[in-house]
Amino acid sequence: MQHDHGPARMFPRPFLAESMLFGFFRQKKHNRQIMERQYAALTAAARTPYFYSDLSIPDTVMGRFEMLSIVLILFFRRTAKSARSGQELAQEIIDAFFQDVDHSIRELGVGDPGVPKRMKKLAGRFYGRAESYGAALDKDDHQLLAQALARNIYPERGDDAPDMQGLARWMIEEEAHLRDVPEESVETGSVTMAVPGGPRLQ
């Protein structure tokens, strides 16, 4: 008589189901750790004082939104060329970003009825910037990018907007760097970005 010594014989079905479930949760926890590590690195890059002191980003709530949007757009352009795991990481990061935006809106005193309207407006801004900055980056057009930055960050200033050439130059240089980032760095949430004029952030 043949005996079954496979996994189903060694462990009863409830044990197997429980093991698979715990394995799933371990995987989800691991994925979340990767997302949180990468998102923390991106937000740290966006908070670099140099952007606000030397590259004309206003040090305001909306200015910080603009700078984090720029950093995320550069990161997402890199992950768009990644394998599925990199694209899934990007989706988790954009979800975390908009959760933070939602939290910030509420902290500013906006009541529940007004939050969806504000969120829709900010989401529109983000995706609009991704399109306009992406068009300039695709052409490697420094002047076009600087114009898009001035228009989006200082819409009320028109021709009197600050010069955004320095920020545009940094974005183009950083995009070139991100092209060479190995896929392993994306998959492990280890992508770093450069501080303008300083060391690469870890």
Protein backbone atom coordinates (compact mmCIF):
# COMPACT_ATOMS: atom_id res chain seq x y z
CA MET A 1 0.00 0.00 0.00
CA GLN A 2 1.40 3.38 -1.02
CA HIS A 3 1.63 6.00 1.68
CA ASP A 4 1.29 9.68 0.98
CA HIS A 5 4.17 11.49 2.64
CA GLY A 6 3.53 14.80 0.83
CA PRO A 7 2.66 18.08 2.56
CA ALA A 8 -1.04 17.34 2.76
CA ARG A 9 -0.28 14.15 4.72
CA MET A 10 2.35 15.73 6.97
CA PHE A 11 0.15 18.69 7.94
CA PRO A 12 -3.64 18.70 8.32
CA ARG A 13 -5.59 21.02 6.01
CA PRO A 14 -6.31 23.68 8.67
CA PHE A 15 -2.57 23.95 9.33
CA LEU A 16 -1.82 24.34 5.63
CA ALA A 17 -4.47 27.03 5.20
CA GLU A 18 -3.17 28.89 8.24
CA SER A 19 0.42 28.68 7.00
CA MET A 20 -0.57 30.04 3.59
CA LEU A 21 -2.48 32.86 5.24
CA PHE A 22 0.43 33.83 7.49
CA GLY A 23 2.74 33.66 4.48
CA PHE A 24 0.43 36.07 2.64
CA PHE A 25 0.45 38.50 5.54
CA ARG A 26 4.24 38.29 5.85
CA GLN A 27 4.51 39.09 2.16
CA LYS A 28 2.10 42.02 2.48
CA LYS A 29 4.04 43.32 5.50
CA HIS A 30 7.29 43.01 3.57
CA ASN A 31 5.79 44.87 0.61
CA ARG A 32 4.55 47.61 2.90
CA GLN A 33 8.00 47.99 4.43
CA ILE A 34 9.45 48.44 0.93
CA MET A 35 6.79 51.02 0.07
CA GLU A 36 7.28 52.93 3.31
CA ARG A 37 11.07 52.97 2.89
CA GLN A 38 10.83 54.26 -0.67
CA TYR A 39 8.12 56.82 0.10
CA ALA A 40 10.15 58.13 3.05
CA ALA A 41 13.20 58.58 0.79
CA LEU A 42 11.13 60.46 -1.80
CA THR A 43 9.48 62.74 0.74
CA ALA A 44 12.88 63.43 2.33
CA ALA A 45 14.22 64.47 -1.08
CA ALA A 46 11.24 66.77 -1.63
CA ARG A 47 11.83 68.46 1.75
CA THR A 48 15.45 69.36 0.97
CA PRO A 49 15.85 73.01 2.07
CA TYR A 50 17.89 73.86 -1.06
CA PHE A 51 14.77 73.59 -3.25
CA TYR A 52 13.08 76.29 -1.20
CA SER A 53 16.07 78.53 -0.50
CA ASP A 54 17.77 78.43 -3.92
CA LEU A 55 15.45 76.95 -6.56
CA SER A 56 12.38 79.17 -6.05
CA ILE A 57 9.93 76.65 -4.56
CA PRO A 58 7.75 78.58 -2.07
CA ASP A 59 8.06 77.19 1.45
CA THR A 60 4.30 76.82 1.92
CA VAL A 61 1.83 73.96 2.10
CA MET A 62 1.19 74.21 -1.64
CA GLY A 63 4.88 74.69 -2.37
CA ARG A 64 5.67 71.43 -0.58
CA PHE A 65 2.85 69.76 -2.52
CA GLU A 66 4.41 71.01 -5.75
CA MET A 67 7.89 69.78 -4.84
CA LEU A 68 6.72 66.35 -3.73
CA SER A 69 4.69 66.11 -6.94
CA ILE A 70 7.85 66.80 -8.95
CA VAL A 71 9.84 64.14 -7.11
CA LEU A 72 7.05 61.57 -7.47
CA ILE A 73 6.59 62.33 -11.16
CA LEU A 74 10.30 61.67 -11.76
CA PHE A 75 10.08 58.42 -9.78
CA PHE A 76 6.94 57.27 -11.60
CA ARG A 77 8.52 57.95 -14.98
CA ARG A 78 11.27 55.54 -13.95
CA THR A 79 8.92 52.86 -12.61
CA ALA A 80 6.77 53.07 -15.76
CA LYS A 81 9.66 51.19 -17.41
CA SER A 82 9.90 48.66 -14.57
CA ALA A 83 8.57 45.16 -14.24
CA ARG A 84 5.21 44.56 -12.61
CA SER A 85 6.62 44.76 -9.08
CA GLY A 86 8.00 48.24 -9.71
CA GLN A 87 4.71 49.46 -11.14
CA GLU A 88 2.81 48.00 -8.19
CA LEU A 89 5.19 49.83 -5.84
CA ALA A 90 4.49 53.07 -7.69
CA GLN A 91 0.74 52.54 -7.27
CA GLU A 92 1.16 51.95 -3.53
CA ILE A 93 3.21 55.13 -3.26
CA ILE A 94 0.66 57.25 -5.12
CA ASP A 95 -2.02 55.85 -2.79
CA ALA A 96 0.10 56.85 0.23
CA PHE A 97 0.67 60.29 -1.29
CA PHE A 98 -3.03 61.00 -1.68
CA GLN A 99 -3.73 59.66 1.80
CA ASP A 100 -1.25 62.24 3.08
CA VAL A 101 -2.90 64.94 0.98
CA ASP A 102 -6.29 63.98 2.43
CA HIS A 103 -4.85 64.16 5.96
CA SER A 104 -3.29 67.56 5.29
CA ILE A 105 -6.56 68.95 3.94
CA ARG A 106 -8.37 67.85 7.08
CA GLU A 107 -5.64 69.33 9.28
CA LEU A 108 -6.24 72.67 7.56
CA GLY A 109 -9.80 72.54 8.87
CA VAL A 110 -11.68 71.45 5.77
CA GLY A 111 -14.79 69.53 6.82
CA ASP A 112 -15.78 66.13 5.45
CA PRO A 113 -18.17 67.53 2.79
CA GLY A 114 -15.42 69.68 1.29
CA VAL A 115 -12.64 67.08 1.25
CA PRO A 116 -13.63 65.15 -1.92
CA LYS A 117 -13.86 68.38 -3.92
CA ARG A 118 -10.42 69.51 -2.74
CA MET A 119 -8.96 66.06 -3.38
CA LYS A 120 -10.35 65.99 -6.91
CA LYS A 121 -8.83 69.40 -7.60
CA LEU A 122 -5.41 68.42 -6.24
CA ALA A 123 -5.45 65.11 -8.11
CA GLY A 124 -6.20 67.05 -11.30
CA ARG A 125 -3.25 69.31 -10.57
CA PHE A 126 -0.94 66.37 -10.00
CA TYR A 127 -1.85 64.54 -13.20
CA GLY A 128 -1.82 67.77 -15.19
CA ARG A 129 1.73 68.43 -13.99
CA ALA A 130 2.75 64.87 -14.82
CA GLU A 131 1.57 65.48 -18.37
CA SER A 132 3.17 68.91 -18.87
CA TYR A 133 6.47 68.05 -17.18
CA GLY A 134 6.55 64.71 -18.96
CA ALA A 135 6.12 66.37 -22.36
CA ALA A 136 9.10 68.64 -21.68
CA LEU A 137 11.22 65.82 -20.26
CA ASP A 138 10.45 63.60 -23.26
CA LYS A 139 11.90 66.33 -25.48
CA ASP A 140 14.76 67.05 -23.06
CA ASP A 141 13.59 70.67 -23.42
CA HIS A 142 15.01 72.70 -20.55
CA GLN A 143 13.21 75.92 -21.51
CA LEU A 144 9.82 74.27 -21.99
CA LEU A 145 10.15 72.57 -18.60
CA ALA A 146 11.11 75.81 -16.85
CA GLN A 147 8.06 77.52 -18.38
CA ALA A 148 5.75 74.70 -17.23
CA LEU A 149 7.18 74.88 -13.71
CA ALA A 150 6.68 78.65 -13.49
CA ARG A 151 3.15 78.38 -14.86
CA ASN A 152 2.15 75.65 -12.41
CA ILE A 153 3.93 76.83 -9.27
CA TYR A 154 3.23 80.55 -9.71
CA PRO A 155 0.01 80.69 -11.77
CA GLU A 156 -0.91 84.14 -10.41
CA ARG A 157 2.46 85.74 -11.27
CA GLY A 158 2.49 85.36 -15.04
CA ASP A 159 5.63 86.88 -16.58
CA ASP A 160 6.75 87.98 -13.11
CA ALA A 161 7.16 84.38 -11.89
CA PRO A 162 10.58 83.47 -10.48
CA ASP A 163 13.14 81.91 -12.78
CA MET A 164 12.71 78.13 -12.68
CA GLN A 165 15.75 77.31 -14.84
CA GLY A 166 17.67 75.81 -11.92
CA LEU A 167 14.86 73.46 -10.95
CA ALA A 168 14.32 72.44 -14.57
CA ARG A 169 18.03 71.66 -14.90
CA TRP A 170 17.94 69.51 -11.76
CA MET A 171 14.90 67.58 -13.03
CA ILE A 172 16.55 66.80 -16.35
CA GLU A 173 19.75 65.67 -14.63
CA GLU A 174 17.83 63.56 -12.14
CA GLU A 175 15.78 61.91 -14.87
CA ALA A 176 19.02 60.89 -16.58
CA HIS A 177 20.31 59.43 -13.31
CA LEU A 178 17.10 57.49 -12.68
CA ARG A 179 17.32 55.83 -16.09
CA ASP A 180 20.46 54.07 -14.88
CA VAL A 181 19.04 52.96 -11.52
CA PRO A 182 19.07 49.14 -11.46
CA GLU A 183 15.77 47.31 -11.25
CA GLU A 184 16.85 45.71 -7.98
CA SER A 185 16.89 49.16 -6.35
CA VAL A 186 13.33 49.77 -7.52
CA GLU A 187 12.09 46.39 -6.31
CA THR A 188 13.65 46.84 -2.87
CA GLY A 189 12.52 50.45 -2.40
CA SER A 190 16.13 51.68 -2.43
CA VAL A 191 15.97 54.35 -5.14
CA THR A 192 17.74 57.54 -4.05
CA MET A 193 17.55 61.05 -5.46
CA ALA A 194 20.18 63.78 -5.51
CA VAL A 195 20.13 66.90 -3.39
CA PRO A 196 21.00 69.77 -5.76
CA GLY A 197 24.58 70.80 -5.07
CA GLY A 198 24.93 68.18 -2.34
CA PRO A 199 25.38 64.44 -1.71
CA ARG A 200 22.91 61.86 -2.93
CA LEU A 201 20.21 61.18 -0.36
CA GLN A 202 20.22 57.75 1.26
